[in-house]
C-alpha cells in the first residue's frame, strides 16, 4: 500500500481581499480535485487572503498509481488560469515508512 501527499501553494488573484473572495477561488478547486477520489482540504495560510495551501492525499496499491493521481491533480491545479501555482511539496509513503 502506498500513500502520496501533496501541498499546493497558490497565489490568488489580486481581487482576493476578503475571506469571502478567497473562498470563491478555493472552493471550486477543492470541488474539482474531489472528482479524482482524493482527500483534499485547505491546509494552510488561512490568515492570508491572497494565498492558499491545498493538500491532497491518495492511497493506492502501487506507487505508480498514487503518483499518477497526484500528477493529474497537480496538472489540473496548474492549468487553472485564475490562480498561480507557486510550489508543490510531494511525498510518497510506502510499506517501509
PDB file of N, CA and C in Angstrom:
ATOM      1  N   UNK A   1       0.846  -1.182   0.000  1.00  0.00           N
ATOM      2  CA  UNK A   1       0.000   0.000   0.000  1.00  0.00           C
ATOM      3  C   UNK A   1       0.888   1.241   0.000  1.00  0.00           C
ATOM      4  N   UNK A   2       0.483   2.231  -0.787  1.00  0.00           N
ATOM      5  CA  UNK A   2       1.232   3.469  -0.906  1.00  0.00           C
ATOM      6  C   UNK A   2       0.292   4.653  -0.708  1.00  0.00           C
ATOM      7  N   UNK A   3       0.821   5.677  -0.078  1.00  0.00           N
ATOM      8  CA  UNK A   3       0.093   6.934   0.102  1.00  0.00           C
ATOM      9  C   UNK A   3       0.967   8.047  -0.429  1.00  0.00           C
ATOM     10  N   UNK A   4       0.383   8.901  -1.257  1.00  0.00           N
ATOM     11  CA  UNK A   4       1.117  10.075  -1.715  1.00  0.00           C
ATOM     12  C   UNK A   4       0.351  11.310  -1.274  1.00  0.00           C
ATOM     13  N   UNK A   5       1.101  12.286  -0.779  1.00  0.00           N
ATOM     14  CA  UNK A   5       0.506  13.550  -0.374  1.00  0.00           C
ATOM     15  C   UNK A   5       1.158  14.677  -1.166  1.00  0.00           C
ATOM     16  N   UNK A   6       0.409  15.749  -1.326  1.00  0.00           N
ATOM     17  CA  UNK A   6       0.936  16.937  -1.990  1.00  0.00           C
ATOM     18  C   UNK A   6       0.299  18.166  -1.364  1.00  0.00           C
ATOM     19  N   UNK A   7       1.088  19.211  -1.247  1.00  0.00           N
ATOM     20  CA  UNK A   7       0.578  20.508  -0.793  1.00  0.00           C
ATOM     21  C   UNK A   7       0.837  21.506  -1.912  1.00  0.00           C
ATOM     22  N   UNK A   8      -0.241  22.102  -2.404  1.00  0.00           N
ATOM     23  CA  UNK A   8      -0.168  23.092  -3.466  1.00  0.00           C
ATOM     24  C   UNK A   8      -0.214  24.480  -2.832  1.00  0.00           C
ATOM     25  N   UNK A   9       0.802  25.275  -3.095  1.00  0.00           N
ATOM     26  CA  UNK A   9       0.873  26.654  -2.603  1.00  0.00           C
ATOM     27  C   UNK A   9       0.385  27.552  -3.732  1.00  0.00           C
ATOM     28  N   UNK A  10      -0.717  28.264  -3.500  1.00  0.00           N
ATOM     29  CA  UNK A  10      -1.378  29.036  -4.544  1.00  0.00           C
ATOM     30  C   UNK A  10      -1.332  30.529  -4.276  1.00  0.00           C
ATOM     31  N   UNK A  11      -1.133  31.280  -5.343  1.00  0.00           N
ATOM     32  CA  UNK A  11      -1.271  32.735  -5.309  1.00  0.00           C
ATOM     33  C   UNK A  11      -2.605  33.050  -5.963  1.00  0.00           C
ATOM     34  N   UNK A  12      -3.484  33.681  -5.208  1.00  0.00           N
ATOM     35  CA  UNK A  12      -4.819  34.004  -5.692  1.00  0.00           C
ATOM     36  C   UNK A  12      -4.805  35.364  -6.380  1.00  0.00           C
ATOM     37  N   UNK A  13      -5.807  35.649  -7.205  1.00  0.00           N
ATOM     38  CA  UNK A  13      -5.855  36.937  -7.908  1.00  0.00           C
ATOM     39  C   UNK A  13      -5.868  38.121  -6.952  1.00  0.00           C
ATOM     40  N   UNK A  14      -5.494  39.267  -7.469  1.00  0.00           N
ATOM     41  CA  UNK A  14      -5.385  40.490  -6.680  1.00  0.00           C
ATOM     42  C   UNK A  14      -6.678  40.964  -6.059  1.00  0.00           C
ATOM     43  N   UNK A  15      -7.818  40.527  -6.587  1.00  0.00           N
ATOM     44  CA  UNK A  15      -9.099  40.969  -6.010  1.00  0.00           C
ATOM     45  C   UNK A  15      -9.516  40.140  -4.803  1.00  0.00           C
ATOM     46  N   UNK A  16      -8.660  39.262  -4.342  1.00  0.00           N
ATOM     47  CA  UNK A  16      -8.969  38.400  -3.203  1.00  0.00           C
ATOM     48  C   UNK A  16      -8.581  39.103  -1.900  1.00  0.00           C
ATOM     49  N   UNK A  17      -9.409  40.073  -1.493  1.00  0.00           N
ATOM     50  CA  UNK A  17      -9.102  40.884  -0.315  1.00  0.00           C
ATOM     51  C   UNK A  17      -9.939  40.530   0.898  1.00  0.00           C
ATOM     52  N   UNK A  18     -10.777  39.510   0.784  1.00  0.00           N
ATOM     53  CA  UNK A  18     -11.613  39.111   1.918  1.00  0.00           C
ATOM     54  C   UNK A  18     -11.699  37.594   1.945  1.00  0.00           C
ATOM     55  N   UNK A  19     -12.151  37.068   3.070  1.00  0.00           N
ATOM     56  CA  UNK A  19     -12.323  35.630   3.205  1.00  0.00           C
ATOM     57  C   UNK A  19     -13.354  35.113   2.204  1.00  0.00           C
ATOM     58  N   UNK A  20     -14.391  35.899   1.963  1.00  0.00           N
ATOM     59  CA  UNK A  20     -15.430  35.512   1.015  1.00  0.00           C
ATOM     60  C   UNK A  20     -14.854  35.395  -0.411  1.00  0.00           C
ATOM     61  N   UNK A  21     -14.039  36.336  -0.802  1.00  0.00           N
ATOM     62  CA  UNK A  21     -13.420  36.284  -2.129  1.00  0.00           C
ATOM     63  C   UNK A  21     -12.435  35.124  -2.223  1.00  0.00           C
ATOM     64  N   UNK A  22     -11.683  34.896  -1.133  1.00  0.00           N
ATOM     65  CA  UNK A  22     -10.739  33.782  -1.115  1.00  0.00           C
ATOM     66  C   UNK A  22     -11.484  32.471  -1.304  1.00  0.00           C
ATOM     67  N   UNK A  23     -12.574  32.293  -0.576  1.00  0.00           N
ATOM     68  CA  UNK A  23     -13.383  31.076  -0.698  1.00  0.00           C
ATOM     69  C   UNK A  23     -13.914  30.886  -2.116  1.00  0.00           C
ATOM     70  N   UNK A  24     -14.223  31.988  -2.790  1.00  0.00           N
ATOM     71  CA  UNK A  24     -14.768  31.880  -4.147  1.00  0.00           C
ATOM     72  C   UNK A  24     -13.744  31.291  -5.127  1.00  0.00           C
ATOM     73  N   UNK A  25     -12.465  31.354  -4.795  1.00  0.00           N
ATOM     74  CA  UNK A  25     -11.428  30.735  -5.614  1.00  0.00           C
ATOM     75  C   UNK A  25     -11.075  29.331  -5.115  1.00  0.00           C
ATOM     76  N   UNK A  26     -11.034  29.150  -3.800  1.00  0.00           N
ATOM     77  CA  UNK A  26     -10.574  27.886  -3.227  1.00  0.00           C
ATOM     78  C   UNK A  26     -11.633  26.787  -3.346  1.00  0.00           C
ATOM     79  N   UNK A  27     -12.881  27.093  -3.093  1.00  0.00           N
ATOM     80  CA  UNK A  27     -13.936  26.067  -3.125  1.00  0.00           C
ATOM     81  C   UNK A  27     -14.045  25.346  -4.464  1.00  0.00           C
ATOM     82  N   UNK A  28     -14.054  26.052  -5.593  1.00  0.00           N
ATOM     83  CA  UNK A  28     -14.130  25.321  -6.869  1.00  0.00           C
ATOM     84  C   UNK A  28     -12.918  24.417  -7.125  1.00  0.00           C
ATOM     85  N   UNK A  29     -11.761  24.822  -6.660  1.00  0.00           N
ATOM     86  CA  UNK A  29     -10.565  23.992  -6.827  1.00  0.00           C
ATOM     87  C   UNK A  29     -10.703  22.720  -6.008  1.00  0.00           C
ATOM     88  N   UNK A  30     -11.145  22.855  -4.771  1.00  0.00           N
ATOM     89  CA  UNK A  30     -11.344  21.681  -3.922  1.00  0.00           C
ATOM     90  C   UNK A  30     -12.397  20.758  -4.521  1.00  0.00           C
ATOM     91  N   UNK A  31     -13.503  21.314  -5.002  1.00  0.00           N
ATOM     92  CA  UNK A  31     -14.566  20.500  -5.616  1.00  0.00           C
ATOM     93  C   UNK A  31     -14.041  19.753  -6.840  1.00  0.00           C
ATOM     94  N   UNK A  32     -13.235  20.419  -7.657  1.00  0.00           N
ATOM     95  CA  UNK A  32     -12.669  19.786  -8.842  1.00  0.00           C
ATOM     96  C   UNK A  32     -11.739  18.639  -8.461  1.00  0.00           C
ATOM     97  N   UNK A  33     -10.911  18.834  -7.430  1.00  0.00           N
ATOM     98  CA  UNK A  33      -9.966  17.795  -7.015  1.00  0.00           C
ATOM     99  C   UNK A  33     -10.674  16.580  -6.425  1.00  0.00           C
ATOM    100  N   UNK A  34     -11.788  16.787  -5.769  1.00  0.00           N
ATOM    101  CA  UNK A  34     -12.537  15.658  -5.192  1.00  0.00           C
ATOM    102  C   UNK A  34     -13.009  14.683  -6.255  1.00  0.00           C
ATOM    103  N   UNK A  35     -13.142  15.126  -7.485  1.00  0.00           N
ATOM    104  CA  UNK A  35     -13.559  14.248  -8.579  1.00  0.00           C
ATOM    105  C   UNK A  35     -12.527  13.167  -8.879  1.00  0.00           C
ATOM    106  N   UNK A  36     -11.305  13.330  -8.382  1.00  0.00           N
ATOM    107  CA  UNK A  36     -10.238  12.357  -8.606  1.00  0.00           C
ATOM    108  C   UNK A  36     -10.101  11.378  -7.441  1.00  0.00           C
ATOM    109  N   UNK A  37     -11.116  11.307  -6.586  1.00  0.00           N
ATOM    110  CA  UNK A  37     -11.147  10.389  -5.439  1.00  0.00           C
ATOM    111  C   UNK A  37      -9.940  10.544  -4.525  1.00  0.00           C
ATOM    112  N   UNK A  38      -9.622  11.788  -4.204  1.00  0.00           N
ATOM    113  CA  UNK A  38      -8.557  12.089  -3.252  1.00  0.00           C
ATOM    114  C   UNK A  38      -9.173  12.764  -2.036  1.00  0.00           C
ATOM    115  N   UNK A  39      -8.462  12.714  -0.948  1.00  0.00           N
ATOM    116  CA  UNK A  39      -8.827  13.537   0.204  1.00  0.00           C
ATOM    117  C   UNK A  39      -8.201  14.898  -0.030  1.00  0.00           C
ATOM    118  N   UNK A  40      -8.981  15.945   0.161  1.00  0.00           N
ATOM    119  CA  UNK A  40      -8.487  17.284  -0.150  1.00  0.00           C
ATOM    120  C   UNK A  40      -9.046  18.288   0.853  1.00  0.00           C
ATOM    121  N   UNK A  41      -8.212  19.260   1.227  1.00  0.00           N
ATOM    122  CA  UNK A  41      -8.641  20.312   2.157  1.00  0.00           C
ATOM    123  C   UNK A  41      -7.698  21.497   2.043  1.00  0.00           C
ATOM    124  N   UNK A  42      -8.202  22.657   2.451  1.00  0.00           N
ATOM    125  CA  UNK A  42      -7.329  23.816   2.601  1.00  0.00           C
ATOM    126  C   UNK A  42      -6.558  23.595   3.889  1.00  0.00           C
ATOM    127  N   UNK A  43      -5.239  23.572   3.798  1.00  0.00           N
ATOM    128  CA  UNK A  43      -4.429  23.147   4.933  1.00  0.00           C
ATOM    129  C   UNK A  43      -3.501  24.213   5.504  1.00  0.00           C
ATOM    130  N   UNK A  44      -3.458  25.392   4.896  1.00  0.00           N
ATOM    131  CA  UNK A  44      -2.559  26.405   5.424  1.00  0.00           C
ATOM    132  C   UNK A  44      -2.843  27.778   4.861  1.00  0.00           C
ATOM    133  N   UNK A  45      -2.138  28.756   5.425  1.00  0.00           N
ATOM    134  CA  UNK A  45      -2.247  30.159   5.032  1.00  0.00           C
ATOM    135  C   UNK A  45      -3.674  30.680   5.160  1.00  0.00           C
ATOM    136  N   UNK A  46      -4.360  30.232   6.190  1.00  0.00           N
ATOM    137  CA  UNK A  46      -5.755  30.630   6.411  1.00  0.00           C
ATOM    138  C   UNK A  46      -5.902  32.129   6.671  1.00  0.00           C
ATOM    139  N   UNK A  47      -4.870  32.744   7.204  1.00  0.00           N
ATOM    140  CA  UNK A  47      -4.971  34.159   7.568  1.00  0.00           C
ATOM    141  C   UNK A  47      -4.564  35.115   6.441  1.00  0.00           C
ATOM    142  N   UNK A  48      -4.116  34.580   5.306  1.00  0.00           N
ATOM    143  CA  UNK A  48      -3.731  35.408   4.175  1.00  0.00           C
ATOM    144  C   UNK A  48      -4.800  35.317   3.089  1.00  0.00           C
ATOM    145  N   UNK A  49      -5.367  36.451   2.697  1.00  0.00           N
ATOM    146  CA  UNK A  49      -6.449  36.433   1.713  1.00  0.00           C
ATOM    147  C   UNK A  49      -5.959  36.174   0.294  1.00  0.00           C
ATOM    148  N   UNK A  50      -4.729  36.505  -0.007  1.00  0.00           N
ATOM    149  CA  UNK A  50      -4.209  36.353  -1.361  1.00  0.00           C
ATOM    150  C   UNK A  50      -3.467  35.061  -1.621  1.00  0.00           C
ATOM    151  N   UNK A  51      -3.394  34.194  -0.622  1.00  0.00           N
ATOM    152  CA  UNK A  51      -2.654  32.932  -0.744  1.00  0.00           C
ATOM    153  C   UNK A  51      -3.485  31.808  -0.160  1.00  0.00           C
ATOM    154  N   UNK A  52      -3.206  30.585  -0.612  1.00  0.00           N
ATOM    155  CA  UNK A  52      -3.878  29.408  -0.077  1.00  0.00           C
ATOM    156  C   UNK A  52      -2.956  28.209  -0.224  1.00  0.00           C
ATOM    157  N   UNK A  53      -3.106  27.274   0.685  1.00  0.00           N
ATOM    158  CA  UNK A  53      -2.437  25.988   0.566  1.00  0.00           C
ATOM    159  C   UNK A  53      -3.512  24.919   0.582  1.00  0.00           C
ATOM    160  N   UNK A  54      -3.481  24.078  -0.444  1.00  0.00           N
ATOM    161  CA  UNK A  54      -4.439  22.988  -0.549  1.00  0.00           C
ATOM    162  C   UNK A  54      -3.659  21.682  -0.509  1.00  0.00           C
ATOM    163  N   UNK A  55      -4.083  20.776   0.352  1.00  0.00           N
ATOM    164  CA  UNK A  55      -3.432  19.483   0.480  1.00  0.00           C
ATOM    165  C   UNK A  55      -4.292  18.389  -0.111  1.00  0.00           C
ATOM    166  N   UNK A  56      -3.644  17.429  -0.772  1.00  0.00           N
ATOM    167  CA  UNK A  56      -4.334  16.251  -1.288  1.00  0.00           C
ATOM    168  C   UNK A  56      -3.588  15.016  -0.815  1.00  0.00           C
ATOM    169  N   UNK A  57      -4.339  13.926  -0.671  1.00  0.00           N
ATOM    170  CA  UNK A  57      -3.748  12.649  -0.301  1.00  0.00           C
ATOM    171  C   UNK A  57      -4.500  11.546  -1.024  1.00  0.00           C
ATOM    172  N   UNK A  58      -3.759  10.532  -1.445  1.00  0.00           N
ATOM    173  CA  UNK A  58      -4.352   9.390  -2.144  1.00  0.00           C
ATOM    174  C   UNK A  58      -3.691   8.114  -1.634  1.00  0.00           C
ATOM    175  N   UNK A  59      -4.474   7.049  -1.562  1.00  0.00           N
ATOM    176  CA  UNK A  59      -3.986   5.728  -1.185  1.00  0.00           C
ATOM    177  C   UNK A  59      -4.175   4.815  -2.381  1.00  0.00           C
ATOM    178  N   UNK A  60      -3.133   4.032  -2.718  1.00  0.00           N
ATOM    179  CA  UNK A  60      -3.202   3.139  -3.868  1.00  0.00           C
ATOM    180  C   UNK A  60      -2.394   1.878  -3.596  1.00  0.00           C
ATOM    181  N   UNK A  61      -2.680   0.855  -4.379  1.00  0.00           N
ATOM    182  CA  UNK A  61      -1.968  -0.413  -4.232  1.00  0.00           C
ATOM    183  C   UNK A  61      -0.535  -0.331  -4.735  1.00  0.00           C
ATOM    184  N   UNK A  62      -0.306   0.480  -5.745  1.00  0.00           N
ATOM    185  CA  UNK A  62       1.020   0.631  -6.344  1.00  0.00           C
ATOM    186  C   UNK A  62       1.465   2.084  -6.270  1.00  0.00           C
ATOM    187  N   UNK A  63       2.766   2.283  -6.141  1.00  0.00           N
ATOM    188  CA  UNK A  63       3.325   3.640  -6.085  1.00  0.00           C
ATOM    189  C   UNK A  63       3.006   4.407  -7.362  1.00  0.00           C
ATOM    190  N   UNK A  64       3.062   3.732  -8.497  1.00  0.00           N
ATOM    191  CA  UNK A  64       2.802   4.406  -9.773  1.00  0.00           C
ATOM    192  C   UNK A  64       1.371   4.906  -9.864  1.00  0.00           C
ATOM    193  N   UNK A  65       0.429   4.171  -9.274  1.00  0.00           N
ATOM    194  CA  UNK A  65      -0.964   4.614  -9.263  1.00  0.00           C
ATOM    195  C   UNK A  65      -1.114   5.884  -8.438  1.00  0.00           C
ATOM    196  N   UNK A  66      -0.501   5.905  -7.267  1.00  0.00           N
ATOM    197  CA  UNK A  66      -0.580   7.079  -6.390  1.00  0.00           C
ATOM    198  C   UNK A  66       0.048   8.293  -7.080  1.00  0.00           C
ATOM    199  N   UNK A  67       1.205   8.092  -7.699  1.00  0.00           N
ATOM    200  CA  UNK A  67       1.875   9.190  -8.396  1.00  0.00           C
ATOM    201  C   UNK A  67       1.029   9.727  -9.547  1.00  0.00           C
ATOM    202  N   UNK A  68       0.403   8.818 -10.287  1.00  0.00           N
ATOM    203  CA  UNK A  68      -0.405   9.234 -11.439  1.00  0.00           C
ATOM    204  C   UNK A  68      -1.588  10.099 -11.006  1.00  0.00           C
ATOM    205  N   UNK A  69      -2.230   9.735  -9.902  1.00  0.00           N
ATOM    206  CA  UNK A  69      -3.372  10.512  -9.428  1.00  0.00           C
ATOM    207  C   UNK A  69      -2.925  11.903  -8.980  1.00  0.00           C
ATOM    208  N   UNK A  70      -1.832  11.978  -8.236  1.00  0.00           N
ATOM    209  CA  UNK A  70      -1.347  13.276  -7.767  1.00  0.00           C
ATOM    210  C   UNK A  70      -0.811  14.101  -8.939  1.00  0.00           C
ATOM    211  N   UNK A  71      -0.200  13.449  -9.928  1.00  0.00           N
ATOM    212  CA  UNK A  71       0.224  14.165 -11.138  1.00  0.00           C
ATOM    213  C   UNK A  71      -0.974  14.823 -11.819  1.00  0.00           C
ATOM    214  N   UNK A  72      -2.070  14.077 -11.921  1.00  0.00           N
ATOM    215  CA  UNK A  72      -3.281  14.611 -12.539  1.00  0.00           C
ATOM    216  C   UNK A  72      -3.807  15.802 -11.755  1.00  0.00           C
ATOM    217  N   UNK A  73      -3.831  15.681 -10.432  1.00  0.00           N
ATOM    218  CA  UNK A  73      -4.292  16.788  -9.588  1.00  0.00           C
ATOM    219  C   UNK A  73      -3.404  18.016  -9.781  1.00  0.00           C
ATOM    220  N   UNK A  74      -2.105  17.807  -9.786  1.00  0.00           N
ATOM    221  CA  UNK A  74      -1.172  18.929  -9.969  1.00  0.00           C
ATOM    222  C   UNK A  74      -1.382  19.607 -11.320  1.00  0.00           C
ATOM    223  N   UNK A  75      -1.551  18.811 -12.376  1.00  0.00           N
ATOM    224  CA  UNK A  75      -1.767  19.383 -13.705  1.00  0.00           C
ATOM    225  C   UNK A  75      -3.072  20.172 -13.771  1.00  0.00           C
ATOM    226  N   UNK A  76      -4.114  19.679 -13.114  1.00  0.00           N
ATOM    227  CA  UNK A  76      -5.391  20.381 -13.107  1.00  0.00           C
ATOM    228  C   UNK A  76      -5.289  21.715 -12.372  1.00  0.00           C
ATOM    229  N   UNK A  77      -4.606  21.727 -11.245  1.00  0.00           N
ATOM    230  CA  UNK A  77      -4.441  22.971 -10.483  1.00  0.00           C
ATOM    231  C   UNK A  77      -3.573  23.950 -11.273  1.00  0.00           C
ATOM    232  N   UNK A  78      -2.485  23.467 -11.843  1.00  0.00           N
ATOM    233  CA  UNK A  78      -1.579  24.332 -12.606  1.00  0.00           C
ATOM    234  C   UNK A  78      -2.263  24.913 -13.841  1.00  0.00           C
ATOM    235  N   UNK A  79      -3.247  24.215 -14.369  1.00  0.00           N
ATOM    236  CA  UNK A  79      -3.925  24.662 -15.567  1.00  0.00           C
ATOM    237  C   UNK A  79      -5.031  25.678 -15.338  1.00  0.00           C
ATOM    238  N   UNK A  80      -5.301  25.996 -14.099  1.00  0.00           N
ATOM    239  CA  UNK A  80      -6.353  26.973 -13.815  1.00  0.00           C
ATOM    240  C   UNK A  80      -5.824  28.380 -14.076  1.00  0.00           C
ATOM    241  N   UNK A  81      -6.463  29.117 -14.977  1.00  0.00           N
ATOM    242  CA  UNK A  81      -5.916  30.424 -15.364  1.00  0.00           C
ATOM    243  C   UNK A  81      -6.066  31.504 -14.301  1.00  0.00           C
ATOM    244  N   UNK A  82      -6.985  31.342 -13.363  1.00  0.00           N
ATOM    245  CA  UNK A  82      -7.238  32.410 -12.398  1.00  0.00           C
ATOM    246  C   UNK A  82      -6.247  32.423 -11.230  1.00  0.00           C
ATOM    247  N   UNK A  83      -5.484  31.343 -11.050  1.00  0.00           N
ATOM    248  CA  UNK A  83      -4.540  31.279  -9.936  1.00  0.00           C
ATOM    249  C   UNK A  83      -3.148  30.975 -10.471  1.00  0.00           C
ATOM    250  N   UNK A  84      -2.140  31.185  -9.607  1.00  0.00           N
ATOM    251  CA  UNK A  84      -0.771  30.820  -9.946  1.00  0.00           C
ATOM    252  C   UNK A  84      -0.293  29.776  -8.952  1.00  0.00           C
ATOM    253  N   UNK A  85       0.174  28.652  -9.455  1.00  0.00           N
ATOM    254  CA  UNK A  85       0.722  27.595  -8.615  1.00  0.00           C
ATOM    255  C   UNK A  85       2.177  27.941  -8.330  1.00  0.00           C
ATOM    256  N   UNK A  86       2.455  28.329  -7.068  1.00  0.00           N
ATOM    257  CA  UNK A  86       3.800  28.770  -6.698  1.00  0.00           C
ATOM    258  C   UNK A  86       4.739  27.603  -6.443  1.00  0.00           C
ATOM    259  N   UNK A  87       4.246  26.573  -5.749  1.00  0.00           N
ATOM    260  CA  UNK A  87       5.091  25.418  -5.466  1.00  0.00           C
ATOM    261  C   UNK A  87       4.233  24.221  -5.110  1.00  0.00           C
ATOM    262  N   UNK A  88       4.858  23.054  -5.200  1.00  0.00           N
ATOM    263  CA  UNK A  88       4.199  21.802  -4.833  1.00  0.00           C
ATOM    264  C   UNK A  88       5.188  21.003  -3.998  1.00  0.00           C
ATOM    265  N   UNK A  89       4.736  20.553  -2.837  1.00  0.00           N
ATOM    266  CA  UNK A  89       5.552  19.671  -1.995  1.00  0.00           C
ATOM    267  C   UNK A  89       4.872  18.306  -1.984  1.00  0.00           C
ATOM    268  N   UNK A  90       5.589  17.302  -2.479  1.00  0.00           N
ATOM    269  CA  UNK A  90       5.021  15.954  -2.587  1.00  0.00           C
ATOM    270  C   UNK A  90       5.830  14.985  -1.746  1.00  0.00           C
ATOM    271  N   UNK A  91       5.123  13.946  -1.268  1.00  0.00           N
ATOM    272  CA  UNK A  91       5.806  12.913  -0.514  1.00  0.00           C
ATOM    273  C   UNK A  91       5.090  11.596  -0.736  1.00  0.00           C
ATOM    274  N   UNK A  92       5.845  10.547  -0.994  1.00  0.00           N
ATOM    275  CA  UNK A  92       5.313   9.212  -1.182  1.00  0.00           C
ATOM    276  C   UNK A  92       5.682   8.363   0.019  1.00  0.00           C
ATOM    277  N   UNK A  93       4.683   7.719   0.588  1.00  0.00           N
ATOM    278  CA  UNK A  93       4.873   6.825   1.729  1.00  0.00           C
ATOM    279  C   UNK A  93       4.577   5.423   1.280  1.00  0.00           C
ATOM    280  N   UNK A  94       5.455   4.483   1.662  1.00  0.00           N
ATOM    281  CA  UNK A  94       5.264   3.085   1.295  1.00  0.00           C
ATOM    282  C   UNK A  94       5.246   2.197   2.511  1.00  0.00           C
ATOM    283  N   UNK A  95       5.277   0.912   2.271  1.00  0.00           N
ATOM    284  CA  UNK A  95       5.252  -0.063   3.361  1.00  0.00           C
ATOM    285  C   UNK A  95       6.473   0.054   4.260  1.00  0.00           C
ATOM    286  N   UNK A  96       7.569   0.600   3.742  1.00  0.00           N
ATOM    287  CA  UNK A  96       8.815   0.723   4.502  1.00  0.00           C
ATOM    288  C   UNK A  96       8.773   1.865   5.522  1.00  0.00           C
ATOM    289  N   UNK A  97       7.860   2.814   5.349  1.00  0.00           N
ATOM    290  CA  UNK A  97       7.834   4.013   6.203  1.00  0.00           C
ATOM    291  C   UNK A  97       7.107   3.772   7.502  1.00  0.00           C
TER     292      UNK A  97
END
